[in-house]
C-alpha atoms as a PDB file:
ATOM      1  CA  MET A   1     -20.224 -46.268   7.408  1.00  0.00           C
ATOM      2  CA  THR A   2     -23.476 -44.718   8.247  1.00  0.00           C
ATOM      3  CA  ARG A   3     -25.020 -42.060   6.152  1.00  0.00           C
ATOM      4  CA  PHE A   4     -24.413 -39.420   8.836  1.00  0.00           C
ATOM      5  CA  ARG A   5     -20.669 -40.153   8.998  1.00  0.00           C
ATOM      6  CA  LEU A   6     -20.406 -40.081   5.210  1.00  0.00           C
ATOM      7  CA  ILE A   7     -22.092 -36.679   5.004  1.00  0.00           C
ATOM      8  CA  LEU A   8     -20.012 -35.370   7.925  1.00  0.00           C
ATOM      9  CA  SER A   9     -16.779 -36.550   6.328  1.00  0.00           C
ATOM     10  CA  LEU A  10     -17.732 -34.917   3.001  1.00  0.00           C
ATOM     11  CA  ILE A  11     -18.469 -31.637   4.768  1.00  0.00           C
ATOM     12  CA  CYS A  12     -15.121 -31.845   6.569  1.00  0.00           C
ATOM     13  CA  LEU A  13     -13.314 -32.501   3.293  1.00  0.00           C
ATOM     14  CA  VAL A  14     -14.988 -29.531   1.621  1.00  0.00           C
ATOM     15  CA  LEU A  15     -14.150 -27.258   4.553  1.00  0.00           C
ATOM     16  CA  LEU A  16     -10.564 -28.479   4.590  1.00  0.00           C
ATOM     17  CA  ALA A  17     -10.233 -27.825   0.858  1.00  0.00           C
ATOM     18  CA  ASN A  18     -11.697 -24.314   1.285  1.00  0.00           C
ATOM     19  CA  PHE A  19      -9.357 -23.461   4.148  1.00  0.00           C
ATOM     20  CA  SER A  20      -6.324 -24.768   2.284  1.00  0.00           C
ATOM     21  CA  LEU A  21      -7.254 -22.685  -0.773  1.00  0.00           C
ATOM     22  CA  MET A  22      -7.674 -19.610   1.423  1.00  0.00           C
ATOM     23  CA  VAL A  23      -4.210 -20.117   2.917  1.00  0.00           C
ATOM     24  CA  HIS A  24      -2.739 -20.698  -0.530  1.00  0.00           C
ATOM     25  CA  PHE A  25      -4.171 -17.474  -1.948  1.00  0.00           C
ATOM     26  CA  GLU A  26      -3.227 -15.502   1.164  1.00  0.00           C
ATOM     27  CA  LEU A  27       0.377 -16.618   0.752  1.00  0.00           C
ATOM     28  CA  LYS A  28       0.347 -15.758  -2.955  1.00  0.00           C
ATOM     29  CA  GLN A  29      -1.038 -12.310  -2.147  1.00  0.00           C
ATOM     30  CA  LYS A  30       1.641 -11.754   0.497  1.00  0.00           C
ATOM     31  CA  GLN A  31       4.372 -12.786  -1.957  1.00  0.00           C
ATOM     32  CA  GLU A  32       2.974 -10.447  -4.600  1.00  0.00           C
ATOM     33  CA  LEU A  33       2.915  -7.539  -2.139  1.00  0.00           C
ATOM     34  CA  SER A  34       6.515  -8.236  -1.159  1.00  0.00           C
ATOM     35  CA  ARG A  35       7.559  -8.399  -4.810  1.00  0.00           C
ATOM     36  CA  THR A  36       5.780  -5.126  -5.573  1.00  0.00           C
ATOM     37  CA  ASN A  37       7.493  -3.417  -2.648  1.00  0.00           C
ATOM     38  CA  GLN A  38      10.888  -4.631  -3.789  1.00  0.00           C
ATOM     39  CA  LEU A  39      10.420  -3.671  -7.426  1.00  0.00           C
ATOM     40  CA  GLY A  40       8.877  -0.249  -7.471  1.00  0.00           C
ATOM     41  CA  LEU A  41       7.396   1.313  -4.426  1.00  0.00           C
ATOM     42  CA  ASP A  42      10.622   2.103  -2.612  1.00  0.00           C
ATOM     43  CA  ASN A  43      12.703   3.608  -5.371  1.00  0.00           C
ATOM     44  CA  GLN A  44      13.636   7.243  -5.631  1.00  0.00           C
ATOM     45  CA  LEU A  45      12.014   7.858  -8.975  1.00  0.00           C
ATOM     46  CA  TRP A  46       8.599   6.937  -7.617  1.00  0.00           C
ATOM     47  CA  GLN A  47       9.239   9.114  -4.565  1.00  0.00           C
ATOM     48  CA  PHE A  48      10.153  12.089  -6.755  1.00  0.00           C
ATOM     49  CA  PHE A  49       6.982  11.691  -8.798  1.00  0.00           C
ATOM     50  CA  GLN A  50       4.959  11.526  -5.602  1.00  0.00           C
ATOM     51  CA  LEU A  51       6.789  14.620  -4.319  1.00  0.00           C
ATOM     52  CA  ASN A  52       5.812  16.463  -7.491  1.00  0.00           C
ATOM     53  CA  ASN A  53       2.182  15.379  -7.089  1.00  0.00           C
ATOM     54  CA  GLU A  54       2.115  16.538  -3.473  1.00  0.00           C
ATOM     55  CA  TYR A  55       3.651  19.875  -4.475  1.00  0.00           C
ATOM     56  CA  GLN A  56       0.882  20.385  -7.030  1.00  0.00           C
ATOM     57  CA  ARG A  57      -1.770  19.502  -4.447  1.00  0.00           C
ATOM     58  CA  LEU A  58      -0.204  21.890  -1.928  1.00  0.00           C
ATOM     59  CA  ARG A  59      -0.064  24.644  -4.520  1.00  0.00           C
ATOM     60  CA  GLU A  60      -3.733  24.158  -5.421  1.00  0.00           C
ATOM     61  CA  ALA A  61      -4.725  24.133  -1.749  1.00  0.00           C
ATOM     62  CA  VAL A  62      -2.866  27.406  -1.156  1.00  0.00           C
ATOM     63  CA  GLU A  63      -4.181  29.102  -4.302  1.00  0.00           C
ATOM     64  CA  HIS A  64      -7.820  28.074  -3.896  1.00  0.00           C
ATOM     65  CA  GLY A  65      -8.017  27.875  -0.125  1.00  0.00           C
ATOM     66  CA  ASN A  66      -9.383  30.355   2.343  1.00  0.00           C
ATOM     67  CA  ALA A  67      -9.220  30.737   6.114  1.00  0.00           C
ATOM     68  CA  VAL A  68     -11.882  28.083   6.621  1.00  0.00           C
ATOM     69  CA  GLN A  69      -9.826  25.497   4.697  1.00  0.00           C
ATOM     70  CA  LEU A  70      -6.630  26.053   6.689  1.00  0.00           C
ATOM     71  CA  ASP A  71      -6.621  22.438   7.898  1.00  0.00           C
ATOM     72  CA  ASN A  72      -6.471  21.214   4.299  1.00  0.00           C
ATOM     73  CA  VAL A  73      -3.454  23.460   3.610  1.00  0.00           C
ATOM     74  CA  LYS A  74      -1.737  22.211   6.782  1.00  0.00           C
ATOM     75  CA  LEU A  75      -2.384  18.610   5.787  1.00  0.00           C
ATOM     76  CA  ARG A  76      -0.950  19.141   2.305  1.00  0.00           C
ATOM     77  CA  PHE A  77       2.109  20.885   3.756  1.00  0.00           C
ATOM     78  CA  ASP A  78       2.690  18.087   6.274  1.00  0.00           C
ATOM     79  CA  ILE A  79       2.524  15.450   3.536  1.00  0.00           C
ATOM     80  CA  TYR A  80       4.841  17.463   1.288  1.00  0.00           C
ATOM     81  CA  PHE A  81       7.310  18.058   4.102  1.00  0.00           C
ATOM     82  CA  SER A  82       7.314  14.385   5.116  1.00  0.00           C
ATOM     83  CA  ARG A  83       8.150  13.357   1.546  1.00  0.00           C
ATOM     84  CA  ILE A  84      11.072  15.825   1.444  1.00  0.00           C
ATOM     85  CA  ASP A  85      12.197  14.660   4.864  1.00  0.00           C
ATOM     86  CA  SER A  86      12.190  10.986   3.850  1.00  0.00           C
ATOM     87  CA  ILE A  87      14.256  11.776   0.763  1.00  0.00           C
ATOM     88  CA  THR A  88      16.806  13.845   2.685  1.00  0.00           C
ATOM     89  CA  LYS A  89      17.160  11.175   5.392  1.00  0.00           C
ATOM     90  CA  HIS A  90      17.800   8.541   2.705  1.00  0.00           C
ATOM     91  CA  GLU A  91      14.871   6.413   3.833  1.00  0.00           C
ATOM     92  CA  VAL A  92      14.265   5.681   0.177  1.00  0.00           C
ATOM     93  CA  GLU A  93      16.122   2.837  -1.475  1.00  0.00           C
ATOM     94  CA  ASP A  94      18.816   4.157  -3.796  1.00  0.00           C
ATOM     95  CA  SER A  95      18.110   3.497  -7.414  1.00  0.00           C
ATOM     96  CA  GLY A  96      20.731   2.692 -10.038  1.00  0.00           C
ATOM     97  CA  ILE A  97      19.464   5.570 -12.182  1.00  0.00           C
ATOM     98  CA  PHE A  98      20.597   8.199  -9.705  1.00  0.00           C
END
């Protein structure tokens, strides 16, 4: 083997190892995201806590807002309403607690 082919094959091996590690960690990250979604992000308890947080934000926006900040109040109301709507339509996974 010539020196050029040896160096080229080493570079190819390093690149192949890097790409395989990238794919490996991408798959691990995807599995972790799926596990997180299944365990906690879709349950009702988390949704109720988020609903409470959005209510507090809406309340603060209404109390401290003025006519210039009407878009902020509308945004907070839309978020609050969408959380209530998703709970009433049962888009949230039922939890054993409830």
